[in-house]
Amino acid sequence: MNAPFIKVFKHGVSCLDSMPKYFNLLKEEAVKDLDKYPKSITKAIRYIKQDAPIEQLEEIRNLVNYAIWKRKLKSE
């Protein structure tokens, strides 16, 4: 399994930013299901949405992707 890296293009938009329809669907489902996660996840999502500096967003994304990747490796 490869590490989950996000490709960033010259103009600074990642490949994930180019999928607005997909994210609209995710947003609708995520708002409904946010209560089923631990409070720490809810607080982290709120921080990302409201308070996180733009400069930190890519770092936060990489940290979360890395943690998920490590967890998946552990479960294999």
PDB file of N, CA and C in Angstrom:
ATOM      1  N   MET A   1       0.854  -1.183   0.000  1.00  0.00           N
ATOM      2  CA  MET A   1       0.000   0.000   0.000  1.00  0.00           C
ATOM      3  C   MET A   1       0.895   1.239   0.000  1.00  0.00           C
ATOM      4  N   ASN A   2       0.585   2.180  -0.868  1.00  0.00           N
ATOM      5  CA  ASN A   2       1.372   3.406  -0.959  1.00  0.00           C
ATOM      6  C   ASN A   2       0.859   4.455   0.014  1.00  0.00           C
ATOM      7  N   ALA A   3       1.727   5.345   0.388  1.00  0.00           N
ATOM      8  CA  ALA A   3       1.336   6.447   1.269  1.00  0.00           C
ATOM      9  C   ALA A   3       0.348   7.348   0.552  1.00  0.00           C
ATOM     10  N   PRO A   4      -0.643   7.867   1.239  1.00  0.00           N
ATOM     11  CA  PRO A   4      -1.694   8.687   0.614  1.00  0.00           C
ATOM     12  C   PRO A   4      -1.251  10.132   0.416  1.00  0.00           C
ATOM     13  N   PHE A   5      -0.583  10.398  -0.673  1.00  0.00           N
ATOM     14  CA  PHE A   5      -0.146  11.762  -0.927  1.00  0.00           C
ATOM     15  C   PHE A   5      -1.153  12.472  -1.808  1.00  0.00           C
ATOM     16  N   ILE A   6      -1.297  13.739  -1.587  1.00  0.00           N
ATOM     17  CA  ILE A   6      -2.207  14.562  -2.372  1.00  0.00           C
ATOM     18  C   ILE A   6      -1.398  15.308  -3.410  1.00  0.00           C
ATOM     19  N   LYS A   7      -1.783  15.170  -4.663  1.00  0.00           N
ATOM     20  CA  LYS A   7      -1.076  15.866  -5.725  1.00  0.00           C
ATOM     21  C   LYS A   7      -1.531  17.315  -5.766  1.00  0.00           C
ATOM     22  N   VAL A   8      -0.584  18.233  -5.730  1.00  0.00           N
ATOM     23  CA  VAL A   8      -0.904  19.657  -5.801  1.00  0.00           C
ATOM     24  C   VAL A   8      -0.394  20.179  -7.133  1.00  0.00           C
ATOM     25  N   PHE A   9      -1.281  20.819  -7.869  1.00  0.00           N
ATOM     26  CA  PHE A   9      -0.946  21.344  -9.179  1.00  0.00           C
ATOM     27  C   PHE A   9      -0.268  22.702  -9.057  1.00  0.00           C
ATOM     28  N   LYS A  10       0.253  23.225 -10.176  1.00  0.00           N
ATOM     29  CA  LYS A  10       0.982  24.494 -10.181  1.00  0.00           C
ATOM     30  C   LYS A  10       0.192  25.628  -9.548  1.00  0.00           C
ATOM     31  N   HIS A  11      -1.102  25.681  -9.820  1.00  0.00           N
ATOM     32  CA  HIS A  11      -1.918  26.777  -9.306  1.00  0.00           C
ATOM     33  C   HIS A  11      -2.396  26.543  -7.879  1.00  0.00           C
ATOM     34  N   GLY A  12      -1.918  25.481  -7.236  1.00  0.00           N
ATOM     35  CA  GLY A  12      -2.190  25.273  -5.819  1.00  0.00           C
ATOM     36  C   GLY A  12      -3.461  24.513  -5.505  1.00  0.00           C
ATOM     37  N   VAL A  13      -4.131  23.986  -6.509  1.00  0.00           N
ATOM     38  CA  VAL A  13      -5.369  23.247  -6.265  1.00  0.00           C
ATOM     39  C   VAL A  13      -5.043  21.765  -6.281  1.00  0.00           C
ATOM     40  N   SER A  14      -5.461  21.066  -5.253  1.00  0.00           N
ATOM     41  CA  SER A  14      -5.186  19.637  -5.205  1.00  0.00           C
ATOM     42  C   SER A  14      -6.186  18.895  -6.077  1.00  0.00           C
ATOM     43  N   CYS A  15      -5.891  17.641  -6.362  1.00  0.00           N
ATOM     44  CA  CYS A  15      -6.781  16.849  -7.195  1.00  0.00           C
ATOM     45  C   CYS A  15      -8.138  16.673  -6.508  1.00  0.00           C
ATOM     46  N   LEU A  16      -8.179  16.713  -5.188  1.00  0.00           N
ATOM     47  CA  LEU A  16      -9.456  16.580  -4.487  1.00  0.00           C
ATOM     48  C   LEU A  16     -10.339  17.806  -4.683  1.00  0.00           C
ATOM     49  N   ASP A  17      -9.726  18.974  -4.872  1.00  0.00           N
ATOM     50  CA  ASP A  17     -10.502  20.193  -5.067  1.00  0.00           C
ATOM     51  C   ASP A  17     -11.198  20.225  -6.416  1.00  0.00           C
ATOM     52  N   SER A  18     -10.831  19.345  -7.322  1.00  0.00           N
ATOM     53  CA  SER A  18     -11.421  19.345  -8.647  1.00  0.00           C
ATOM     54  C   SER A  18     -12.650  18.450  -8.736  1.00  0.00           C
ATOM     55  N   MET A  19     -13.178  18.005  -7.610  1.00  0.00           N
ATOM     56  CA  MET A  19     -14.335  17.123  -7.605  1.00  0.00           C
ATOM     57  C   MET A  19     -15.475  17.716  -6.774  1.00  0.00           C
ATOM     58  N   PRO A  20     -16.031  18.864  -7.180  1.00  0.00           N
ATOM     59  CA  PRO A  20     -17.049  19.509  -6.351  1.00  0.00           C
ATOM     60  C   PRO A  20     -18.327  18.699  -6.198  1.00  0.00           C
ATOM     61  N   LYS A  21     -18.770  17.988  -7.231  1.00  0.00           N
ATOM     62  CA  LYS A  21     -20.002  17.204  -7.114  1.00  0.00           C
ATOM     63  C   LYS A  21     -19.854  16.119  -6.052  1.00  0.00           C
ATOM     64  N   TYR A  22     -18.709  15.464  -6.037  1.00  0.00           N
ATOM     65  CA  TYR A  22     -18.443  14.419  -5.053  1.00  0.00           C
ATOM     66  C   TYR A  22     -18.482  14.994  -3.639  1.00  0.00           C
ATOM     67  N   PHE A  23     -17.898  16.169  -3.465  1.00  0.00           N
ATOM     68  CA  PHE A  23     -17.867  16.768  -2.139  1.00  0.00           C
ATOM     69  C   PHE A  23     -19.230  17.261  -1.690  1.00  0.00           C
ATOM     70  N   ASN A  24     -20.081  17.687  -2.619  1.00  0.00           N
ATOM     71  CA  ASN A  24     -21.439  18.073  -2.242  1.00  0.00           C
ATOM     72  C   ASN A  24     -22.194  16.883  -1.683  1.00  0.00           C
ATOM     73  N   LEU A  25     -22.015  15.719  -2.285  1.00  0.00           N
ATOM     74  CA  LEU A  25     -22.648  14.515  -1.764  1.00  0.00           C
ATOM     75  C   LEU A  25     -22.087  14.161  -0.397  1.00  0.00           C
ATOM     76  N   LEU A  26     -20.767  14.244  -0.260  1.00  0.00           N
ATOM     77  CA  LEU A  26     -20.143  13.959   1.026  1.00  0.00           C
ATOM     78  C   LEU A  26     -20.632  14.903   2.111  1.00  0.00           C
ATOM     79  N   LYS A  27     -20.767  16.186   1.758  1.00  0.00           N
ATOM     80  CA  LYS A  27     -21.187  17.184   2.733  1.00  0.00           C
ATOM     81  C   LYS A  27     -22.578  16.855   3.271  1.00  0.00           C
ATOM     82  N   GLU A  28     -23.484  16.484   2.381  1.00  0.00           N
ATOM     83  CA  GLU A  28     -24.846  16.169   2.810  1.00  0.00           C
ATOM     84  C   GLU A  28     -24.855  14.972   3.752  1.00  0.00           C
ATOM     85  N   GLU A  29     -24.094  13.943   3.418  1.00  0.00           N
ATOM     86  CA  GLU A  29     -24.048  12.754   4.263  1.00  0.00           C
ATOM     87  C   GLU A  29     -23.301  13.016   5.564  1.00  0.00           C
ATOM     88  N   ALA A  30     -22.237  13.801   5.504  1.00  0.00           N
ATOM     89  CA  ALA A  30     -21.409  14.052   6.683  1.00  0.00           C
ATOM     90  C   ALA A  30     -22.162  14.845   7.734  1.00  0.00           C
ATOM     91  N   VAL A  31     -22.966  15.795   7.314  1.00  0.00           N
ATOM     92  CA  VAL A  31     -23.717  16.602   8.278  1.00  0.00           C
ATOM     93  C   VAL A  31     -24.691  15.724   9.046  1.00  0.00           C
ATOM     94  N   LYS A  32     -25.313  14.766   8.372  1.00  0.00           N
ATOM     95  CA  LYS A  32     -26.253  13.875   9.034  1.00  0.00           C
ATOM     96  C   LYS A  32     -25.551  12.926  10.000  1.00  0.00           C
ATOM     97  N   ASP A  33     -24.380  12.460   9.609  1.00  0.00           N
ATOM     98  CA  ASP A  33     -23.707  11.401  10.355  1.00  0.00           C
ATOM     99  C   ASP A  33     -22.653  11.882  11.337  1.00  0.00           C
ATOM    100  N   LEU A  34     -22.456  13.170  11.470  1.00  0.00           N
ATOM    101  CA  LEU A  34     -21.384  13.679  12.317  1.00  0.00           C
ATOM    102  C   LEU A  34     -21.574  13.311  13.786  1.00  0.00           C
ATOM    103  N   ASP A  35     -22.799  13.152  14.214  1.00  0.00           N
ATOM    104  CA  ASP A  35     -23.070  12.829  15.617  1.00  0.00           C
ATOM    105  C   ASP A  35     -22.644  11.413  16.011  1.00  0.00           C
ATOM    106  N   LYS A  36     -22.441  10.548  15.045  1.00  0.00           N
ATOM    107  CA  LYS A  36     -22.081   9.168  15.383  1.00  0.00           C
ATOM    108  C   LYS A  36     -20.593   8.999  15.709  1.00  0.00           C
ATOM    109  N   TYR A  37     -19.798  10.050  15.470  1.00  0.00           N
ATOM    110  CA  TYR A  37     -18.361   9.995  15.731  1.00  0.00           C
ATOM    111  C   TYR A  37     -18.043  10.552  17.111  1.00  0.00           C
ATOM    112  N   PRO A  38     -16.859  10.238  17.639  1.00  0.00           N
ATOM    113  CA  PRO A  38     -16.466  10.785  18.941  1.00  0.00           C
ATOM    114  C   PRO A  38     -16.413  12.311  18.915  1.00  0.00           C
ATOM    115  N   LYS A  39     -16.557  12.890  20.085  1.00  0.00           N
ATOM    116  CA  LYS A  39     -16.562  14.341  20.218  1.00  0.00           C
ATOM    117  C   LYS A  39     -15.282  14.973  19.677  1.00  0.00           C
ATOM    118  N   SER A  40     -14.161  14.289  19.807  1.00  0.00           N
ATOM    119  CA  SER A  40     -12.891  14.837  19.321  1.00  0.00           C
ATOM    120  C   SER A  40     -12.898  15.001  17.802  1.00  0.00           C
ATOM    121  N   ILE A  41     -13.537  14.086  17.091  1.00  0.00           N
ATOM    122  CA  ILE A  41     -13.645  14.200  15.632  1.00  0.00           C
ATOM    123  C   ILE A  41     -14.524  15.389  15.270  1.00  0.00           C
ATOM    124  N   THR A  42     -15.635  15.542  15.953  1.00  0.00           N
ATOM    125  CA  THR A  42     -16.533  16.669  15.714  1.00  0.00           C
ATOM    126  C   THR A  42     -15.808  17.990  15.945  1.00  0.00           C
ATOM    127  N   LYS A  43     -15.030  18.064  17.023  1.00  0.00           N
ATOM    128  CA  LYS A  43     -14.285  19.291  17.317  1.00  0.00           C
ATOM    129  C   LYS A  43     -13.219  19.556  16.257  1.00  0.00           C
ATOM    130  N   ALA A  44     -12.550  18.498  15.793  1.00  0.00           N
ATOM    131  CA  ALA A  44     -11.520  18.667  14.765  1.00  0.00           C
ATOM    132  C   ALA A  44     -12.140  19.167  13.461  1.00  0.00           C
ATOM    133  N   ILE A  45     -13.272  18.621  13.084  1.00  0.00           N
ATOM    134  CA  ILE A  45     -13.958  19.066  11.864  1.00  0.00           C
ATOM    135  C   ILE A  45     -14.386  20.519  12.008  1.00  0.00           C
ATOM    136  N   ARG A  46     -14.917  20.872  13.160  1.00  0.00           N
ATOM    137  CA  ARG A  46     -15.326  22.262  13.388  1.00  0.00           C
ATOM    138  C   ARG A  46     -14.119  23.196  13.301  1.00  0.00           C
ATOM    139  N   TYR A  47     -12.992  22.786  13.870  1.00  0.00           N
ATOM    140  CA  TYR A  47     -11.771  23.592  13.803  1.00  0.00           C
ATOM    141  C   TYR A  47     -11.331  23.794  12.351  1.00  0.00           C
ATOM    142  N   ILE A  48     -11.341  22.715  11.590  1.00  0.00           N
ATOM    143  CA  ILE A  48     -10.939  22.805  10.184  1.00  0.00           C
ATOM    144  C   ILE A  48     -11.863  23.738   9.415  1.00  0.00           C
ATOM    145  N   LYS A  49     -13.154  23.631   9.652  1.00  0.00           N
ATOM    146  CA  LYS A  49     -14.119  24.455   8.922  1.00  0.00           C
ATOM    147  C   LYS A  49     -14.056  25.934   9.304  1.00  0.00           C
ATOM    148  N   GLN A  50     -13.818  26.230  10.572  1.00  0.00           N
ATOM    149  CA  GLN A  50     -13.998  27.595  11.040  1.00  0.00           C
ATOM    150  C   GLN A  50     -12.716  28.323  11.414  1.00  0.00           C
ATOM    151  N   ASP A  51     -11.792  27.666  12.083  1.00  0.00           N
ATOM    152  CA  ASP A  51     -10.677  28.374  12.708  1.00  0.00           C
ATOM    153  C   ASP A  51      -9.295  28.094  12.124  1.00  0.00           C
ATOM    154  N   ALA A  52      -9.127  26.989  11.429  1.00  0.00           N
ATOM    155  CA  ALA A  52      -7.786  26.616  10.964  1.00  0.00           C
ATOM    156  C   ALA A  52      -7.285  27.608   9.916  1.00  0.00           C
ATOM    157  N   PRO A  53      -6.060  28.080  10.096  1.00  0.00           N
ATOM    158  CA  PRO A  53      -5.473  28.946   9.068  1.00  0.00           C
ATOM    159  C   PRO A  53      -5.316  28.170   7.756  1.00  0.00           C
ATOM    160  N   ILE A  54      -5.491  28.854   6.662  1.00  0.00           N
ATOM    161  CA  ILE A  54      -5.392  28.227   5.346  1.00  0.00           C
ATOM    162  C   ILE A  54      -4.054  27.507   5.187  1.00  0.00           C
ATOM    163  N   GLU A  55      -2.999  28.095   5.745  1.00  0.00           N
ATOM    164  CA  GLU A  55      -1.668  27.504   5.621  1.00  0.00           C
ATOM    165  C   GLU A  55      -1.588  26.136   6.293  1.00  0.00           C
ATOM    166  N   GLN A  56      -2.403  25.894   7.308  1.00  0.00           N
ATOM    167  CA  GLN A  56      -2.347  24.630   8.051  1.00  0.00           C
ATOM    168  C   GLN A  56      -3.191  23.534   7.422  1.00  0.00           C
ATOM    169  N   LEU A  57      -4.093  23.868   6.529  1.00  0.00           N
ATOM    170  CA  LEU A  57      -5.027  22.872   6.011  1.00  0.00           C
ATOM    171  C   LEU A  57      -4.330  21.708   5.312  1.00  0.00           C
ATOM    172  N   GLU A  58      -3.338  21.995   4.501  1.00  0.00           N
ATOM    173  CA  GLU A  58      -2.621  20.920   3.808  1.00  0.00           C
ATOM    174  C   GLU A  58      -1.877  20.035   4.801  1.00  0.00           C
ATOM    175  N   GLU A  59      -1.288  20.637   5.825  1.00  0.00           N
ATOM    176  CA  GLU A  59      -0.593  19.867   6.852  1.00  0.00           C
ATOM    177  C   GLU A  59      -1.562  18.977   7.625  1.00  0.00           C
ATOM    178  N   ILE A  60      -2.723  19.519   7.962  1.00  0.00           N
ATOM    179  CA  ILE A  60      -3.745  18.737   8.676  1.00  0.00           C
ATOM    180  C   ILE A  60      -4.210  17.575   7.806  1.00  0.00           C
ATOM    181  N   ARG A  61      -4.448  17.849   6.519  1.00  0.00           N
ATOM    182  CA  ARG A  61      -4.884  16.801   5.596  1.00  0.00           C
ATOM    183  C   ARG A  61      -3.844  15.689   5.529  1.00  0.00           C
ATOM    184  N   ASN A  62      -2.574  16.050   5.434  1.00  0.00           N
ATOM    185  CA  ASN A  62      -1.517  15.041   5.360  1.00  0.00           C
ATOM    186  C   ASN A  62      -1.429  14.226   6.648  1.00  0.00           C
ATOM    187  N   LEU A  63      -1.599  14.872   7.791  1.00  0.00           N
ATOM    188  CA  LEU A  63      -1.575  14.152   9.071  1.00  0.00           C
ATOM    189  C   LEU A  63      -2.716  13.140   9.174  1.00  0.00           C
ATOM    190  N   VAL A  64      -3.901  13.565   8.777  1.00  0.00           N
ATOM    191  CA  VAL A  64      -5.065  12.672   8.834  1.00  0.00           C
ATOM    192  C   VAL A  64      -4.889  11.518   7.846  1.00  0.00           C
ATOM    193  N   ASN A  65      -4.467  11.832   6.626  1.00  0.00           N
ATOM    194  CA  ASN A  65      -4.257  10.772   5.633  1.00  0.00           C
ATOM    195  C   ASN A  65      -3.188   9.784   6.094  1.00  0.00           C
ATOM    196  N   TYR A  66      -2.131  10.279   6.708  1.00  0.00           N
ATOM    197  CA  TYR A  66      -1.072   9.411   7.199  1.00  0.00           C
ATOM    198  C   TYR A  66      -1.595   8.501   8.321  1.00  0.00           C
ATOM    199  N   ALA A  67      -2.366   9.056   9.228  1.00  0.00           N
ATOM    200  CA  ALA A  67      -2.909   8.261  10.334  1.00  0.00           C
ATOM    201  C   ALA A  67      -3.842   7.166   9.806  1.00  0.00           C
ATOM    202  N   ILE A  68      -4.651   7.496   8.818  1.00  0.00           N
ATOM    203  CA  ILE A  68      -5.552   6.500   8.224  1.00  0.00           C
ATOM    204  C   ILE A  68      -4.748   5.417   7.526  1.00  0.00           C
ATOM    205  N   TRP A  69      -3.733   5.822   6.782  1.00  0.00           N
ATOM    206  CA  TRP A  69      -2.888   4.867   6.072  1.00  0.00           C
ATOM    207  C   TRP A  69      -2.213   3.907   7.047  1.00  0.00           C
ATOM    208  N   LYS A  70      -1.651   4.454   8.140  1.00  0.00           N
ATOM    209  CA  LYS A  70      -0.989   3.614   9.142  1.00  0.00           C
ATOM    210  C   LYS A  70      -1.983   2.630   9.774  1.00  0.00           C
ATOM    211  N   ARG A  71      -3.192   3.099  10.045  1.00  0.00           N
ATOM    212  CA  ARG A  71      -4.219   2.233  10.639  1.00  0.00           C
ATOM    213  C   ARG A  71      -4.603   1.097   9.702  1.00  0.00           C
ATOM    214  N   LYS A  72      -4.711   1.409   8.412  1.00  0.00           N
ATOM    215  CA  LYS A  72      -5.034   0.374   7.436  1.00  0.00           C
ATOM    216  C   LYS A  72      -3.918  -0.658   7.323  1.00  0.00           C
ATOM    217  N   LEU A  73      -2.673  -0.188   7.371  1.00  0.00           N
ATOM    218  CA  LEU A  73      -1.545  -1.119   7.339  1.00  0.00           C
ATOM    219  C   LEU A  73      -1.566  -2.054   8.532  1.00  0.00           C
ATOM    220  N   LYS A  74      -1.914  -1.508   9.683  1.00  0.00           N
ATOM    221  CA  LYS A  74      -1.949  -2.292  10.917  1.00  0.00           C
ATOM    222  C   LYS A  74      -3.026  -3.385  10.843  1.00  0.00           C
ATOM    223  N   SER A  75      -4.137  -3.093  10.175  1.00  0.00           N
ATOM    224  CA  SER A  75      -5.243  -4.048  10.137  1.00  0.00           C
ATOM    225  C   SER A  75      -5.065  -5.126   9.071  1.00  0.00           C
ATOM    226  N   GLU A  76      -4.071  -4.980   8.192  1.00  0.00           N
ATOM    227  CA  GLU A  76      -3.845  -5.993   7.150  1.00  0.00           C
ATOM    228  C   GLU A  76      -3.112  -7.194   7.672  1.00  0.00           C
TER     229      GLU A  76
END
